[in-house]
N, C-alpha and C. Protein backbone atom coordinates (compact mmCIF):
# COMPACT_ATOMS: atom_id res chain seq x y z
N MET A 1 13.13 17.29 -3.24
CA MET A 1 11.95 15.97 -3.43
C MET A 1 11.86 15.16 -4.39
N LYS A 2 11.51 14.08 -4.62
CA LYS A 2 10.66 13.25 -5.84
C LYS A 2 9.10 13.09 -5.26
N ARG A 3 8.37 12.80 -5.58
CA ARG A 3 7.02 12.25 -5.68
C ARG A 3 6.90 11.47 -6.62
N ALA A 4 6.04 9.88 -5.67
CA ALA A 4 5.71 8.77 -6.30
C ALA A 4 4.87 8.19 -5.60
N PHE A 5 4.24 7.25 -6.63
CA PHE A 5 3.28 6.57 -5.82
C PHE A 5 3.79 4.51 -5.66
N THR A 6 3.14 4.09 -4.94
CA THR A 6 2.70 2.92 -5.66
C THR A 6 1.61 2.62 -4.76
N VAL A 7 1.41 0.75 -5.00
CA VAL A 7 0.06 -0.12 -4.80
C VAL A 7 0.52 -0.47 -3.19
N VAL A 8 -0.63 -0.38 -2.00
CA VAL A 8 0.02 -0.74 -0.56
C VAL A 8 -0.85 -1.70 -0.82
N THR A 9 -0.53 -2.90 0.43
CA THR A 9 -1.43 -3.51 0.89
C THR A 9 -1.56 -4.05 2.42
N THR A 10 -1.78 -4.25 2.88
CA THR A 10 -2.37 -4.25 4.81
C THR A 10 -3.98 -4.57 5.29
N TRP A 11 -3.71 -5.18 6.33
CA TRP A 11 -4.70 -5.39 7.18
C TRP A 11 -5.48 -4.20 7.66
N ALA A 12 -6.21 -4.24 7.59
CA ALA A 12 -6.89 -2.23 8.19
C ALA A 12 -8.21 -2.45 7.99
N ARG A 13 -8.88 -1.98 9.01
CA ARG A 13 -10.37 -1.76 9.56
C ARG A 13 -11.17 -0.94 9.00
N HIS A 14 -10.22 0.34 8.45
CA HIS A 14 -10.87 1.89 7.63
C HIS A 14 -9.95 2.14 7.18
N TYR A 15 -10.47 3.29 6.69
CA TYR A 15 -9.35 4.48 5.95
C TYR A 15 -8.41 4.96 6.76
N ASP A 16 -8.86 5.26 7.94
CA ASP A 16 -8.10 6.33 8.91
C ASP A 16 -7.05 4.92 9.04
N GLU A 17 -7.31 3.69 10.07
CA GLU A 17 -6.25 2.66 10.14
C GLU A 17 -5.16 2.47 8.76
N PHE A 18 -6.01 2.02 7.60
CA PHE A 18 -4.78 2.45 6.51
C PHE A 18 -3.92 3.33 5.90
N LYS A 19 -4.51 4.49 6.16
CA LYS A 19 -3.40 5.74 5.79
C LYS A 19 -2.75 5.84 7.15
N ARG A 20 -3.33 5.64 8.41
CA ARG A 20 -2.08 5.30 9.38
C ARG A 20 -0.68 4.58 8.87
N LYS A 21 -1.06 3.20 8.83
CA LYS A 21 -0.20 2.48 8.42
C LYS A 21 0.43 2.60 7.76
N CYS A 22 -0.08 2.97 5.93
CA CYS A 22 0.58 3.07 5.02
C CYS A 22 2.21 4.50 5.38
N GLY A 23 1.25 5.67 6.71
CA GLY A 23 2.09 6.30 7.28
C GLY A 23 3.43 6.45 7.51
N GLN A 24 3.19 5.23 8.66
CA GLN A 24 4.17 5.10 9.72
C GLN A 24 5.51 4.15 8.57
N MET A 25 5.19 3.35 7.95
CA MET A 25 5.84 2.22 6.65
C MET A 25 6.94 3.52 6.25
N ALA A 26 5.79 4.38 5.85
CA ALA A 26 6.88 5.34 4.64
C ALA A 26 7.89 6.07 5.88
N GLU A 27 7.38 6.71 7.44
CA GLU A 27 8.23 7.02 8.04
C GLU A 27 9.77 6.19 8.31
N THR A 28 9.21 5.00 8.49
CA THR A 28 10.27 3.83 8.50
C THR A 28 11.71 3.72 7.17
N HIS A 29 11.17 3.90 6.26
CA HIS A 29 12.17 4.89 5.30
C HIS A 29 12.23 5.98 5.10
N GLY A 30 12.40 6.77 5.77
CA GLY A 30 12.95 7.97 5.90
C GLY A 30 11.03 9.15 4.83
N TRP A 31 10.69 8.30 4.38
CA TRP A 31 9.94 9.02 2.96
C TRP A 31 8.61 9.65 3.86
N MET A 32 7.29 10.45 3.39
CA MET A 32 6.83 10.91 3.86
C MET A 32 5.47 10.76 3.17
N LEU A 33 4.75 10.43 3.49
CA LEU A 33 2.96 10.18 2.91
C LEU A 33 2.02 11.63 2.73
N LEU A 34 2.61 11.94 1.38
CA LEU A 34 1.90 12.47 0.90
C LEU A 34 0.14 12.00 0.87
N GLY A 35 -0.28 11.22 0.57
CA GLY A 35 -2.06 10.63 0.62
C GLY A 35 -1.88 9.78 0.23
N VAL A 36 -3.70 9.49 0.70
CA VAL A 36 -3.62 7.89 -0.14
C VAL A 36 -5.10 8.39 -1.31
N GLU A 37 -4.30 7.83 -2.48
CA GLU A 37 -5.44 8.10 -3.41
C GLU A 37 -7.24 7.21 -2.99
N ARG A 38 -6.79 6.07 -3.01
CA ARG A 38 -7.73 4.91 -2.72
C ARG A 38 -7.78 4.15 -2.32
N ALA A 39 -8.55 3.61 -1.33
CA ALA A 39 -8.11 2.86 0.36
C ALA A 39 -9.27 1.91 0.22
N SER A 40 -9.18 0.50 -0.07
CA SER A 40 -10.59 -0.32 -0.17
C SER A 40 -10.25 -1.68 0.08
N PRO A 41 -11.70 -2.42 0.59
CA PRO A 41 -11.39 -4.02 0.38
C PRO A 41 -11.13 -4.76 -0.38
N VAL A 42 -10.75 -5.86 -0.86
CA VAL A 42 -9.87 -6.43 -1.62
C VAL A 42 -11.07 -7.10 -2.03
N PRO A 43 -11.63 -6.93 -3.99
CA PRO A 43 -13.13 -7.51 -4.23
C PRO A 43 -12.97 -8.84 -4.38
N ASP A 44 -13.61 -9.90 -4.17
CA ASP A 44 -13.31 -11.60 -3.91
C ASP A 44 -12.95 -11.52 -5.64
N ASP A 45 -13.60 -11.23 -6.53
CA ASP A 45 -14.08 -11.66 -8.28
C ASP A 45 -13.17 -11.23 -9.04
N ARG A 46 -12.07 -9.75 -8.43
CA ARG A 46 -11.19 -9.25 -9.31
C ARG A 46 -10.08 -10.15 -9.82
N ILE A 47 -9.34 -9.14 -10.91
CA ILE A 47 -7.84 -10.38 -10.91
C ILE A 47 -6.87 -9.32 -11.36
N PHE A 48 -6.05 -9.45 -10.43
CA PHE A 48 -4.65 -8.43 -10.31
C PHE A 48 -4.24 -8.52 -11.46
N SER A 49 -2.66 -8.28 -11.30
CA SER A 49 -1.37 -8.39 -12.54
C SER A 49 -0.83 -9.58 -10.79
N ASN A 50 0.27 -10.08 -11.47
CA ASN A 50 0.85 -11.02 -10.86
C ASN A 50 1.63 -10.40 -9.58
N ASP A 51 2.18 -9.05 -9.54
CA ASP A 51 3.09 -8.39 -8.98
C ASP A 51 1.93 -8.40 -8.04
N VAL A 52 0.98 -7.25 -7.96
CA VAL A 52 -0.17 -7.10 -6.94
C VAL A 52 -0.84 -8.72 -6.30
N GLU A 53 -1.01 -9.50 -7.31
CA GLU A 53 -1.75 -10.79 -6.26
C GLU A 53 -0.69 -11.94 -5.48
N ASP A 54 1.04 -11.62 -5.86
CA ASP A 54 1.55 -11.91 -4.60
C ASP A 54 1.91 -10.77 -3.54
N MET A 55 1.46 -9.70 -3.95
CA MET A 55 1.61 -8.67 -2.18
C MET A 55 0.17 -9.16 -1.29
N LEU A 56 -0.66 -9.55 -2.05
CA LEU A 56 -2.08 -9.57 -1.57
C LEU A 56 -2.12 -11.17 -0.95
N GLU A 57 -1.38 -11.96 -1.68
CA GLU A 57 -0.64 -13.27 -1.07
C GLU A 57 0.38 -13.29 0.46
N ARG A 58 0.75 -12.60 -0.02
CA ARG A 58 1.87 -11.89 1.28
C ARG A 58 1.23 -11.65 2.36
N THR A 59 0.01 -10.75 2.24
CA THR A 59 0.09 -10.03 3.09
C THR A 59 -1.27 -11.15 3.83
N ARG A 60 -1.87 -12.03 2.73
CA ARG A 60 -3.34 -12.45 3.60
C ARG A 60 -2.26 -13.94 4.92
N GLU A 61 -1.28 -14.18 3.94
CA GLU A 61 0.11 -14.63 4.91
C GLU A 61 0.41 -14.67 6.68
N ASN A 62 0.42 -13.11 6.69
CA ASN A 62 0.63 -12.24 7.69
C ASN A 62 0.26 -10.81 7.44
N ARG A 63 -0.75 -10.87 8.92
CA ARG A 63 -1.50 -9.71 9.53
C ARG A 63 -1.03 -8.82 9.70
N GLU A 64 0.31 -8.58 10.10
CA GLU A 64 0.28 -7.17 10.48
C GLU A 64 1.70 -6.52 9.66
N ALA A 65 1.40 -7.68 8.27
CA ALA A 65 2.50 -7.25 6.97
C ALA A 65 1.94 -5.48 6.21
N ILE A 66 2.58 -5.30 6.00
CA ILE A 66 2.50 -4.11 5.26
C ILE A 66 3.35 -3.80 3.92
N ILE A 67 2.81 -4.32 3.08
CA ILE A 67 3.99 -4.76 1.22
C ILE A 67 2.98 -3.79 0.50
N TYR A 68 4.34 -3.18 0.05
CA TYR A 68 4.20 -2.28 -0.88
C TYR A 68 4.85 -2.51 -2.10
N GLY A 69 4.45 -2.24 -3.47
CA GLY A 69 5.30 -2.28 -4.65
C GLY A 69 6.10 -1.65 -5.66
N THR A 70 6.52 -1.65 -6.37
CA THR A 70 7.19 -0.38 -7.06
C THR A 70 6.98 0.78 -6.92
N PHE A 71 7.82 0.86 -6.66
CA PHE A 71 7.52 3.10 -6.55
C PHE A 71 7.77 3.73 -8.50
N HIS A 72 6.47 4.47 -8.92
CA HIS A 72 6.33 5.06 -9.86
C HIS A 72 7.25 6.54 -9.77
N SER A 73 7.97 7.19 -9.89
CA SER A 73 8.11 8.83 -9.29
C SER A 73 7.79 9.33 -10.53
N PHE A 74 7.47 10.59 -10.59
CA PHE A 74 7.03 11.63 -11.53
C PHE A 74 7.12 13.14 -11.34
N LEU A 75 7.55 13.70 -12.39
CA LEU A 75 8.17 15.30 -11.62
C LEU A 75 6.52 15.96 -11.75
N ARG A 76 6.75 17.12 -10.67
CA ARG A 76 5.54 18.21 -10.86
C ARG A 76 6.31 19.30 -11.30
């Protein structure tokens, strides 16, 4: 088993909904969600990397979207 982390963007009303949606997305790929480190609304005044800005734009256009970025794996 390899551990990895990524950035996820989706619409959610609260932390539990965000975590549930991330878990469902992971399961569709045969993965297991180990946890959510941070979940918060996107601030209007923050600038993100081009990759994350693209993910946010795609999420804004589709309220059903669950977009994930590059997976970064690590050894434990």
